PDB file of N, CA and C in Angstrom:
ATOM      1  N   UNK A   1     -38.617 -21.154 -73.664  1.00  0.00           N
ATOM      2  CA  UNK A   1     -39.763 -22.009 -73.456  1.00  0.00           C
ATOM      3  C   UNK A   1     -39.898 -22.976 -74.632  1.00  0.00           C
ATOM      4  N   UNK A   2     -40.192 -24.231 -74.334  1.00  0.00           N
ATOM      5  CA  UNK A   2     -40.348 -25.231 -75.394  1.00  0.00           C
ATOM      6  C   UNK A   2     -41.814 -25.336 -75.792  1.00  0.00           C
ATOM      7  N   UNK A   3     -42.039 -25.866 -76.951  1.00  0.00           N
ATOM      8  CA  UNK A   3     -43.389 -26.051 -77.460  1.00  0.00           C
ATOM      9  C   UNK A   3     -43.832 -27.507 -77.306  1.00  0.00           C
ATOM     10  N   UNK A   4     -43.125 -28.236 -76.450  1.00  0.00           N
ATOM     11  CA  UNK A   4     -43.470 -29.630 -76.162  1.00  0.00           C
ATOM     12  C   UNK A   4     -43.055 -29.954 -74.732  1.00  0.00           C
ATOM     13  N   UNK A   5     -43.598 -31.047 -74.241  1.00  0.00           N
ATOM     14  CA  UNK A   5     -43.234 -31.544 -72.918  1.00  0.00           C
ATOM     15  C   UNK A   5     -43.178 -33.062 -73.022  1.00  0.00           C
ATOM     16  N   UNK A   6     -42.095 -33.658 -72.554  1.00  0.00           N
ATOM     17  CA  UNK A   6     -41.943 -35.113 -72.584  1.00  0.00           C
ATOM     18  C   UNK A   6     -41.541 -35.567 -71.183  1.00  0.00           C
ATOM     19  N   UNK A   7     -42.217 -36.616 -70.706  1.00  0.00           N
ATOM     20  CA  UNK A   7     -41.995 -37.049 -69.330  1.00  0.00           C
ATOM     21  C   UNK A   7     -42.497 -38.485 -69.147  1.00  0.00           C
ATOM     22  N   UNK A   8     -42.099 -39.107 -68.035  1.00  0.00           N
ATOM     23  CA  UNK A   8     -42.618 -40.414 -67.633  1.00  0.00           C
ATOM     24  C   UNK A   8     -43.797 -40.192 -66.704  1.00  0.00           C
ATOM     25  N   UNK A   9     -44.917 -40.863 -66.970  1.00  0.00           N
ATOM     26  CA  UNK A   9     -46.064 -40.751 -66.068  1.00  0.00           C
ATOM     27  C   UNK A   9     -45.995 -41.842 -65.000  1.00  0.00           C
ATOM     28  N   UNK A  10     -47.019 -41.927 -64.174  1.00  0.00           N
ATOM     29  CA  UNK A  10     -47.046 -42.893 -63.075  1.00  0.00           C
ATOM     30  C   UNK A  10     -47.093 -44.341 -63.542  1.00  0.00           C
ATOM     31  N   UNK A  11     -47.487 -44.567 -64.791  1.00  0.00           N
ATOM     32  CA  UNK A  11     -47.535 -45.916 -65.361  1.00  0.00           C
ATOM     33  C   UNK A  11     -46.268 -46.274 -66.127  1.00  0.00           C
ATOM     34  N   UNK A  12     -45.249 -45.445 -66.027  1.00  0.00           N
ATOM     35  CA  UNK A  12     -43.980 -45.619 -66.750  1.00  0.00           C
ATOM     36  C   UNK A  12     -44.175 -45.518 -68.257  1.00  0.00           C
ATOM     37  N   UNK A  13     -45.154 -44.714 -68.673  1.00  0.00           N
ATOM     38  CA  UNK A  13     -45.345 -44.415 -70.086  1.00  0.00           C
ATOM     39  C   UNK A  13     -44.608 -43.124 -70.398  1.00  0.00           C
ATOM     40  N   UNK A  14     -43.985 -43.081 -71.553  1.00  0.00           N
ATOM     41  CA  UNK A  14     -43.350 -41.852 -72.005  1.00  0.00           C
ATOM     42  C   UNK A  14     -44.444 -41.020 -72.675  1.00  0.00           C
ATOM     43  N   UNK A  15     -44.748 -39.880 -72.083  1.00  0.00           N
ATOM     44  CA  UNK A  15     -45.834 -39.028 -72.564  1.00  0.00           C
ATOM     45  C   UNK A  15     -45.257 -37.821 -73.296  1.00  0.00           C
ATOM     46  N   UNK A  16     -45.844 -37.525 -74.431  1.00  0.00           N
ATOM     47  CA  UNK A  16     -45.423 -36.378 -75.227  1.00  0.00           C
ATOM     48  C   UNK A  16     -46.620 -35.464 -75.424  1.00  0.00           C
ATOM     49  N   UNK A  17     -46.410 -34.175 -75.154  1.00  0.00           N
ATOM     50  CA  UNK A  17     -47.456 -33.171 -75.310  1.00  0.00           C
ATOM     51  C   UNK A  17     -46.910 -32.016 -76.137  1.00  0.00           C
ATOM     52  N   UNK A  18     -47.822 -31.328 -76.832  1.00  0.00           N
ATOM     53  CA  UNK A  18     -47.425 -30.143 -77.582  1.00  0.00           C
ATOM     54  C   UNK A  18     -47.320 -30.405 -79.062  1.00  0.00           C
ATOM     55  N   UNK A  19     -46.283 -29.859 -79.668  1.00  0.00           N
ATOM     56  CA  UNK A  19     -46.125 -30.021 -81.104  1.00  0.00           C
ATOM     57  C   UNK A  19     -44.774 -30.628 -81.452  1.00  0.00           C
ATOM     58  N   UNK A  20     -44.773 -31.362 -82.560  1.00  0.00           N
ATOM     59  CA  UNK A  20     -43.561 -31.980 -83.100  1.00  0.00           C
ATOM     60  C   UNK A  20     -43.352 -31.370 -84.480  1.00  0.00           C
ATOM     61  N   UNK A  21     -42.177 -30.799 -84.688  1.00  0.00           N
ATOM     62  CA  UNK A  21     -41.860 -30.271 -86.009  1.00  0.00           C
ATOM     63  C   UNK A  21     -40.348 -30.301 -86.211  1.00  0.00           C
ATOM     64  N   UNK A  22     -39.928 -29.837 -87.373  1.00  0.00           N
ATOM     65  CA  UNK A  22     -38.507 -29.910 -87.712  1.00  0.00           C
ATOM     66  C   UNK A  22     -37.624 -29.128 -86.736  1.00  0.00           C
ATOM     67  N   UNK A  23     -38.179 -28.134 -86.055  1.00  0.00           N
ATOM     68  CA  UNK A  23     -37.370 -27.325 -85.150  1.00  0.00           C
ATOM     69  C   UNK A  23     -37.059 -28.019 -83.829  1.00  0.00           C
ATOM     70  N   UNK A  24     -37.858 -29.023 -83.451  1.00  0.00           N
ATOM     71  CA  UNK A  24     -37.640 -29.636 -82.137  1.00  0.00           C
ATOM     72  C   UNK A  24     -37.517 -31.160 -82.161  1.00  0.00           C
ATOM     73  N   UNK A  25     -37.648 -31.771 -83.320  1.00  0.00           N
ATOM     74  CA  UNK A  25     -37.716 -33.233 -83.385  1.00  0.00           C
ATOM     75  C   UNK A  25     -36.449 -33.920 -82.855  1.00  0.00           C
ATOM     76  N   UNK A  26     -35.294 -33.338 -83.071  1.00  0.00           N
ATOM     77  CA  UNK A  26     -34.049 -33.959 -82.588  1.00  0.00           C
ATOM     78  C   UNK A  26     -33.998 -33.934 -81.062  1.00  0.00           C
ATOM     79  N   UNK A  27     -34.395 -32.828 -80.460  1.00  0.00           N
ATOM     80  CA  UNK A  27     -34.411 -32.735 -78.994  1.00  0.00           C
ATOM     81  C   UNK A  27     -35.416 -33.723 -78.399  1.00  0.00           C
ATOM     82  N   UNK A  28     -36.586 -33.820 -79.043  1.00  0.00           N
ATOM     83  CA  UNK A  28     -37.596 -34.761 -78.564  1.00  0.00           C
ATOM     84  C   UNK A  28     -37.088 -36.190 -78.693  1.00  0.00           C
ATOM     85  N   UNK A  29     -36.465 -36.502 -79.816  1.00  0.00           N
ATOM     86  CA  UNK A  29     -35.914 -37.856 -80.019  1.00  0.00           C
ATOM     87  C   UNK A  29     -34.928 -38.204 -78.912  1.00  0.00           C
ATOM     88  N   UNK A  30     -33.998 -37.313 -78.668  1.00  0.00           N
ATOM     89  CA  UNK A  30     -32.967 -37.578 -77.663  1.00  0.00           C
ATOM     90  C   UNK A  30     -33.557 -37.699 -76.259  1.00  0.00           C
ATOM     91  N   UNK A  31     -34.517 -36.851 -75.937  1.00  0.00           N
ATOM     92  CA  UNK A  31     -35.165 -36.927 -74.622  1.00  0.00           C
ATOM     93  C   UNK A  31     -35.921 -38.241 -74.461  1.00  0.00           C
ATOM     94  N   UNK A  32     -36.604 -38.662 -75.507  1.00  0.00           N
ATOM     95  CA  UNK A  32     -37.337 -39.923 -75.459  1.00  0.00           C
ATOM     96  C   UNK A  32     -36.422 -41.118 -75.281  1.00  0.00           C
ATOM     97  N   UNK A  33     -35.322 -41.123 -75.997  1.00  0.00           N
ATOM     98  CA  UNK A  33     -34.369 -42.232 -75.876  1.00  0.00           C
ATOM     99  C   UNK A  33     -33.769 -42.260 -74.470  1.00  0.00           C
ATOM    100  N   UNK A  34     -33.512 -41.107 -73.905  1.00  0.00           N
ATOM    101  CA  UNK A  34     -33.001 -41.053 -72.531  1.00  0.00           C
ATOM    102  C   UNK A  34     -34.026 -41.624 -71.552  1.00  0.00           C
ATOM    103  N   UNK A  35     -35.301 -41.295 -71.745  1.00  0.00           N
ATOM    104  CA  UNK A  35     -36.349 -41.824 -70.866  1.00  0.00           C
ATOM    105  C   UNK A  35     -36.510 -43.334 -71.024  1.00  0.00           C
ATOM    106  N   UNK A  36     -36.214 -43.859 -72.201  1.00  0.00           N
ATOM    107  CA  UNK A  36     -36.311 -45.305 -72.431  1.00  0.00           C
ATOM    108  C   UNK A  36     -35.394 -46.085 -71.499  1.00  0.00           C
ATOM    109  N   UNK A  37     -34.310 -45.478 -71.100  1.00  0.00           N
ATOM    110  CA  UNK A  37     -33.368 -46.152 -70.206  1.00  0.00           C
ATOM    111  C   UNK A  37     -33.989 -46.454 -68.843  1.00  0.00           C
ATOM    112  N   UNK A  38     -35.064 -45.744 -68.496  1.00  0.00           N
ATOM    113  CA  UNK A  38     -35.680 -45.901 -67.175  1.00  0.00           C
ATOM    114  C   UNK A  38     -36.853 -46.879 -67.161  1.00  0.00           C
ATOM    115  N   UNK A  39     -37.185 -47.468 -68.315  1.00  0.00           N
ATOM    116  CA  UNK A  39     -38.355 -48.351 -68.387  1.00  0.00           C
ATOM    117  C   UNK A  39     -37.974 -49.704 -68.966  1.00  0.00           C
ATOM    118  N   UNK A  40     -38.768 -50.714 -68.642  1.00  0.00           N
ATOM    119  CA  UNK A  40     -38.488 -52.051 -69.175  1.00  0.00           C
ATOM    120  C   UNK A  40     -39.212 -52.305 -70.494  1.00  0.00           C
ATOM    121  N   UNK A  41     -40.348 -51.643 -70.704  1.00  0.00           N
ATOM    122  CA  UNK A  41     -41.087 -51.681 -71.963  1.00  0.00           C
ATOM    123  C   UNK A  41     -41.382 -50.242 -72.347  1.00  0.00           C
ATOM    124  N   UNK A  42     -41.356 -49.969 -73.643  1.00  0.00           N
ATOM    125  CA  UNK A  42     -41.516 -48.600 -74.109  1.00  0.00           C
ATOM    126  C   UNK A  42     -42.941 -48.390 -74.617  1.00  0.00           C
ATOM    127  N   UNK A  43     -43.696 -47.636 -73.849  1.00  0.00           N
ATOM    128  CA  UNK A  43     -45.038 -47.220 -74.238  1.00  0.00           C
ATOM    129  C   UNK A  43     -44.990 -45.710 -74.441  1.00  0.00           C
ATOM    130  N   UNK A  44     -45.289 -45.280 -75.648  1.00  0.00           N
ATOM    131  CA  UNK A  44     -45.273 -43.862 -75.983  1.00  0.00           C
ATOM    132  C   UNK A  44     -46.720 -43.374 -76.055  1.00  0.00           C
ATOM    133  N   UNK A  45     -47.095 -42.471 -75.161  1.00  0.00           N
ATOM    134  CA  UNK A  45     -48.451 -41.921 -75.132  1.00  0.00           C
ATOM    135  C   UNK A  45     -48.455 -40.565 -75.835  1.00  0.00           C
ATOM    136  N   UNK A  46     -49.194 -40.494 -76.930  1.00  0.00           N
ATOM    137  CA  UNK A  46     -49.204 -39.297 -77.776  1.00  0.00           C
ATOM    138  C   UNK A  46     -50.483 -38.482 -77.635  1.00  0.00           C
ATOM    139  N   UNK A  47     -51.281 -38.740 -76.624  1.00  0.00           N
ATOM    140  CA  UNK A  47     -52.573 -38.068 -76.510  1.00  0.00           C
ATOM    141  C   UNK A  47     -52.446 -36.544 -76.430  1.00  0.00           C
ATOM    142  N   UNK A  48     -51.343 -36.055 -75.913  1.00  0.00           N
ATOM    143  CA  UNK A  48     -51.161 -34.614 -75.769  1.00  0.00           C
ATOM    144  C   UNK A  48     -50.543 -33.922 -76.964  1.00  0.00           C
ATOM    145  N   UNK A  49     -50.280 -34.651 -78.038  1.00  0.00           N
ATOM    146  CA  UNK A  49     -49.690 -34.037 -79.233  1.00  0.00           C
ATOM    147  C   UNK A  49     -50.775 -33.245 -79.950  1.00  0.00           C
ATOM    148  N   UNK A  50     -50.549 -31.958 -80.127  1.00  0.00           N
ATOM    149  CA  UNK A  50     -51.533 -31.068 -80.743  1.00  0.00           C
ATOM    150  C   UNK A  50     -51.245 -30.793 -82.213  1.00  0.00           C
ATOM    151  N   UNK A  51     -50.001 -30.924 -82.618  1.00  0.00           N
ATOM    152  CA  UNK A  51     -49.607 -30.677 -84.007  1.00  0.00           C
ATOM    153  C   UNK A  51     -48.374 -31.527 -84.301  1.00  0.00           C
ATOM    154  N   UNK A  52     -48.313 -32.056 -85.509  1.00  0.00           N
ATOM    155  CA  UNK A  52     -47.134 -32.826 -85.924  1.00  0.00           C
ATOM    156  C   UNK A  52     -46.986 -32.710 -87.428  1.00  0.00           C
ATOM    157  N   UNK A  53     -45.753 -32.543 -87.874  1.00  0.00           N
ATOM    158  CA  UNK A  53     -45.486 -32.565 -89.308  1.00  0.00           C
ATOM    159  C   UNK A  53     -44.822 -33.894 -89.653  1.00  0.00           C
ATOM    160  N   UNK A  54     -44.340 -34.020 -90.862  1.00  0.00           N
ATOM    161  CA  UNK A  54     -43.779 -35.305 -91.310  1.00  0.00           C
ATOM    162  C   UNK A  54     -42.558 -35.734 -90.498  1.00  0.00           C
ATOM    163  N   UNK A  55     -41.889 -34.811 -89.836  1.00  0.00           N
ATOM    164  CA  UNK A  55     -40.739 -35.181 -89.009  1.00  0.00           C
ATOM    165  C   UNK A  55     -41.155 -36.080 -87.846  1.00  0.00           C
ATOM    166  N   UNK A  56     -42.430 -36.015 -87.464  1.00  0.00           N
ATOM    167  CA  UNK A  56     -42.908 -36.858 -86.362  1.00  0.00           C
ATOM    168  C   UNK A  56     -42.822 -38.339 -86.708  1.00  0.00           C
ATOM    169  N   UNK A  57     -42.991 -38.675 -87.969  1.00  0.00           N
ATOM    170  CA  UNK A  57     -42.877 -40.084 -88.379  1.00  0.00           C
ATOM    171  C   UNK A  57     -41.442 -40.573 -88.248  1.00  0.00           C
ATOM    172  N   UNK A  58     -40.495 -39.726 -88.589  1.00  0.00           N
ATOM    173  CA  UNK A  58     -39.077 -40.073 -88.415  1.00  0.00           C
ATOM    174  C   UNK A  58     -38.783 -40.267 -86.931  1.00  0.00           C
ATOM    175  N   UNK A  59     -39.367 -39.412 -86.095  1.00  0.00           N
ATOM    176  CA  UNK A  59     -39.205 -39.530 -84.648  1.00  0.00           C
ATOM    177  C   UNK A  59     -39.710 -40.875 -84.144  1.00  0.00           C
ATOM    178  N   UNK A  60     -40.907 -41.253 -84.549  1.00  0.00           N
ATOM    179  CA  UNK A  60     -41.487 -42.508 -84.076  1.00  0.00           C
ATOM    180  C   UNK A  60     -40.686 -43.714 -84.552  1.00  0.00           C
ATOM    181  N   UNK A  61     -40.189 -43.661 -85.769  1.00  0.00           N
ATOM    182  CA  UNK A  61     -39.345 -44.753 -86.273  1.00  0.00           C
ATOM    183  C   UNK A  61     -38.032 -44.814 -85.488  1.00  0.00           C
ATOM    184  N   UNK A  62     -37.450 -43.666 -85.195  1.00  0.00           N
ATOM    185  CA  UNK A  62     -36.202 -43.634 -84.411  1.00  0.00           C
ATOM    186  C   UNK A  62     -36.431 -44.229 -83.028  1.00  0.00           C
ATOM    187  N   UNK A  63     -37.561 -43.910 -82.412  1.00  0.00           N
ATOM    188  CA  UNK A  63     -37.855 -44.472 -81.097  1.00  0.00           C
ATOM    189  C   UNK A  63     -38.099 -45.976 -81.174  1.00  0.00           C
ATOM    190  N   UNK A  64     -38.787 -46.425 -82.212  1.00  0.00           N
ATOM    191  CA  UNK A  64     -39.023 -47.866 -82.379  1.00  0.00           C
ATOM    192  C   UNK A  64     -37.693 -48.602 -82.537  1.00  0.00           C
ATOM    193  N   UNK A  65     -36.788 -48.021 -83.312  1.00  0.00           N
ATOM    194  CA  UNK A  65     -35.462 -48.641 -83.504  1.00  0.00           C
ATOM    195  C   UNK A  65     -34.672 -48.662 -82.199  1.00  0.00           C
ATOM    196  N   UNK A  66     -34.735 -47.564 -81.458  1.00  0.00           N
ATOM    197  CA  UNK A  66     -34.011 -47.497 -80.181  1.00  0.00           C
ATOM    198  C   UNK A  66     -34.541 -48.547 -79.208  1.00  0.00           C
ATOM    199  N   UNK A  67     -35.851 -48.690 -79.139  1.00  0.00           N
ATOM    200  CA  UNK A  67     -36.440 -49.703 -78.260  1.00  0.00           C
ATOM    201  C   UNK A  67     -36.003 -51.101 -78.694  1.00  0.00           C
ATOM    202  N   UNK A  68     -36.021 -51.344 -79.994  1.00  0.00           N
ATOM    203  CA  UNK A  68     -35.603 -52.649 -80.515  1.00  0.00           C
ATOM    204  C   UNK A  68     -34.139 -52.918 -80.181  1.00  0.00           C
ATOM    205  N   UNK A  69     -33.292 -51.913 -80.317  1.00  0.00           N
ATOM    206  CA  UNK A  69     -31.869 -52.110 -80.017  1.00  0.00           C
ATOM    207  C   UNK A  69     -31.634 -52.383 -78.533  1.00  0.00           C
ATOM    208  N   UNK A  70     -32.575 -51.926 -77.688  1.00  0.00           N
ATOM    209  CA  UNK A  70     -32.486 -52.183 -76.249  1.00  0.00           C
ATOM    210  C   UNK A  70     -33.274 -53.438 -75.854  1.00  0.00           C
ATOM    211  N   UNK A  71     -33.798 -54.139 -76.858  1.00  0.00           N
ATOM    212  CA  UNK A  71     -34.574 -55.368 -76.649  1.00  0.00           C
ATOM    213  C   UNK A  71     -35.795 -55.118 -75.759  1.00  0.00           C
ATOM    214  N   UNK A  72     -36.483 -54.009 -76.044  1.00  0.00           N
ATOM    215  CA  UNK A  72     -37.664 -53.643 -75.272  1.00  0.00           C
ATOM    216  C   UNK A  72     -38.887 -53.616 -76.174  1.00  0.00           C
ATOM    217  N   UNK A  73     -40.018 -53.987 -75.588  1.00  0.00           N
ATOM    218  CA  UNK A  73     -41.301 -53.902 -76.291  1.00  0.00           C
ATOM    219  C   UNK A  73     -41.588 -52.439 -76.593  1.00  0.00           C
ATOM    220  N   UNK A  74     -42.161 -52.161 -77.773  1.00  0.00           N
ATOM    221  CA  UNK A  74     -42.475 -50.793 -78.188  1.00  0.00           C
ATOM    222  C   UNK A  74     -43.928 -50.727 -78.614  1.00  0.00           C
ATOM    223  N   UNK A  75     -44.653 -49.759 -78.052  1.00  0.00           N
ATOM    224  CA  UNK A  75     -46.054 -49.587 -78.439  1.00  0.00           C
ATOM    225  C   UNK A  75     -46.439 -48.115 -78.353  1.00  0.00           C
ATOM    226  N   UNK A  76     -47.176 -47.667 -79.361  1.00  0.00           N
ATOM    227  CA  UNK A  76     -47.707 -46.309 -79.378  1.00  0.00           C
ATOM    228  C   UNK A  76     -49.118 -46.327 -78.805  1.00  0.00           C
ATOM    229  N   UNK A  77     -49.425 -45.336 -77.979  1.00  0.00           N
ATOM    230  CA  UNK A  77     -50.737 -45.228 -77.350  1.00  0.00           C
ATOM    231  C   UNK A  77     -51.372 -43.882 -77.702  1.00  0.00           C
ATOM    232  N   UNK A  78     -52.689 -43.873 -77.801  1.00  0.00           N
ATOM    233  CA  UNK A  78     -53.449 -42.635 -77.977  1.00  0.00           C
ATOM    234  C   UNK A  78     -52.921 -41.777 -79.127  1.00  0.00           C
ATOM    235  N   UNK A  79     -52.820 -42.389 -80.279  1.00  0.00           N
ATOM    236  CA  UNK A  79     -52.288 -41.701 -81.454  1.00  0.00           C
ATOM    237  C   UNK A  79     -53.353 -40.747 -81.996  1.00  0.00           C
ATOM    238  N   UNK A  80     -53.046 -39.457 -82.079  1.00  0.00           N
ATOM    239  CA  UNK A  80     -54.016 -38.518 -82.631  1.00  0.00           C
ATOM    240  C   UNK A  80     -54.383 -38.885 -84.076  1.00  0.00           C
ATOM    241  N   UNK A  81     -55.617 -38.607 -84.444  1.00  0.00           N
ATOM    242  CA  UNK A  81     -56.109 -38.966 -85.780  1.00  0.00           C
ATOM    243  C   UNK A  81     -55.232 -38.375 -86.878  1.00  0.00           C
ATOM    244  N   UNK A  82     -54.831 -37.115 -86.729  1.00  0.00           N
ATOM    245  CA  UNK A  82     -54.024 -36.483 -87.775  1.00  0.00           C
ATOM    246  C   UNK A  82     -52.667 -37.163 -87.928  1.00  0.00           C
ATOM    247  N   UNK A  83     -52.125 -37.689 -86.850  1.00  0.00           N
ATOM    248  CA  UNK A  83     -50.839 -38.379 -86.920  1.00  0.00           C
ATOM    249  C   UNK A  83     -51.004 -39.767 -87.532  1.00  0.00           C
ATOM    250  N   UNK A  84     -52.069 -40.455 -87.180  1.00  0.00           N
ATOM    251  CA  UNK A  84     -52.362 -41.759 -87.782  1.00  0.00           C
ATOM    252  C   UNK A  84     -52.610 -41.609 -89.283  1.00  0.00           C
ATOM    253  N   UNK A  85     -53.300 -40.554 -89.674  1.00  0.00           N
ATOM    254  CA  UNK A  85     -53.560 -40.308 -91.101  1.00  0.00           C
ATOM    255  C   UNK A  85     -52.273 -40.034 -91.857  1.00  0.00           C
ATOM    256  N   UNK A  86     -51.387 -39.294 -91.249  1.00  0.00           N
ATOM    257  CA  UNK A  86     -50.088 -39.004 -91.861  1.00  0.00           C
ATOM    258  C   UNK A  86     -49.292 -40.299 -92.039  1.00  0.00           C
ATOM    259  N   UNK A  87     -49.333 -41.173 -91.046  1.00  0.00           N
ATOM    260  CA  UNK A  87     -48.634 -42.461 -91.137  1.00  0.00           C
ATOM    261  C   UNK A  87     -49.236 -43.325 -92.243  1.00  0.00           C
ATOM    262  N   UNK A  88     -50.567 -43.352 -92.332  1.00  0.00           N
ATOM    263  CA  UNK A  88     -51.224 -44.135 -93.390  1.00  0.00           C
ATOM    264  C   UNK A  88     -50.884 -43.593 -94.770  1.00  0.00           C
ATOM    265  N   UNK A  89     -50.908 -42.280 -94.914  1.00  0.00           N
ATOM    266  CA  UNK A  89     -50.628 -41.660 -96.216  1.00  0.00           C
ATOM    267  C   UNK A  89     -49.207 -41.946 -96.692  1.00  0.00           C
ATOM    268  N   UNK A  90     -48.291 -42.108 -95.749  1.00  0.00           N
ATOM    269  CA  UNK A  90     -46.900 -42.361 -96.104  1.00  0.00           C
ATOM    270  C   UNK A  90     -46.557 -43.850 -96.147  1.00  0.00           C
ATOM    271  N   UNK A  91     -47.524 -44.695 -95.781  1.00  0.00           N
ATOM    272  CA  UNK A  91     -47.280 -46.136 -95.784  1.00  0.00           C
ATOM    273  C   UNK A  91     -46.510 -46.635 -94.579  1.00  0.00           C
ATOM    274  N   UNK A  92     -46.384 -45.821 -93.553  1.00  0.00           N
ATOM    275  CA  UNK A  92     -45.622 -46.221 -92.369  1.00  0.00           C
ATOM    276  C   UNK A  92     -46.495 -46.760 -91.245  1.00  0.00           C
ATOM    277  N   UNK A  93     -47.808 -46.792 -91.464  1.00  0.00           N
ATOM    278  CA  UNK A  93     -48.697 -47.288 -90.417  1.00  0.00           C
ATOM    279  C   UNK A  93     -48.433 -48.752 -90.082  1.00  0.00           C
ATOM    280  N   UNK A  94     -48.086 -49.555 -91.060  1.00  0.00           N
ATOM    281  CA  UNK A  94     -47.799 -50.977 -90.794  1.00  0.00           C
ATOM    282  C   UNK A  94     -46.499 -51.133 -90.014  1.00  0.00           C
ATOM    283  N   UNK A  95     -45.508 -50.359 -90.364  1.00  0.00           N
ATOM    284  CA  UNK A  95     -44.210 -50.432 -89.673  1.00  0.00           C
ATOM    285  C   UNK A  95     -44.364 -50.001 -88.212  1.00  0.00           C
ATOM    286  N   UNK A  96     -45.147 -48.952 -87.984  1.00  0.00           N
ATOM    287  CA  UNK A  96     -45.335 -48.431 -86.638  1.00  0.00           C
ATOM    288  C   UNK A  96     -46.490 -49.100 -85.901  1.00  0.00           C
ATOM    289  N   UNK A  97     -47.164 -50.015 -86.581  1.00  0.00           N
ATOM    290  CA  UNK A  97     -48.302 -50.744 -86.008  1.00  0.00           C
ATOM    291  C   UNK A  97     -49.392 -49.788 -85.525  1.00  0.00           C
ATOM    292  N   UNK A  98     -49.749 -48.881 -86.399  1.00  0.00           N
ATOM    293  CA  UNK A  98     -50.811 -47.900 -86.100  1.00  0.00           C
ATOM    294  C   UNK A  98     -52.117 -48.423 -86.687  1.00  0.00           C
TER     295      UNK A  98
END
């Protein structure tokens, strides 16, 4: 059983639920990049993220780079407060447009 769920919703948003940590970040990254192939613009909905460590910032940067390499718009939606705070504390909020 996984501690996260990633899927495309009816609006073609990539939705992530559960937790992001060092044990699952690579699998989540790869699943997200695979889902990007099915959309014309990349909207990542994080409303279901319940826990995230610093590896989540690497994940979001990897997804932003993947979207850019595919010439697709990239936007984060419903960013949990704890994740936005982590991005601000690390100085990555400007890069990720949080």
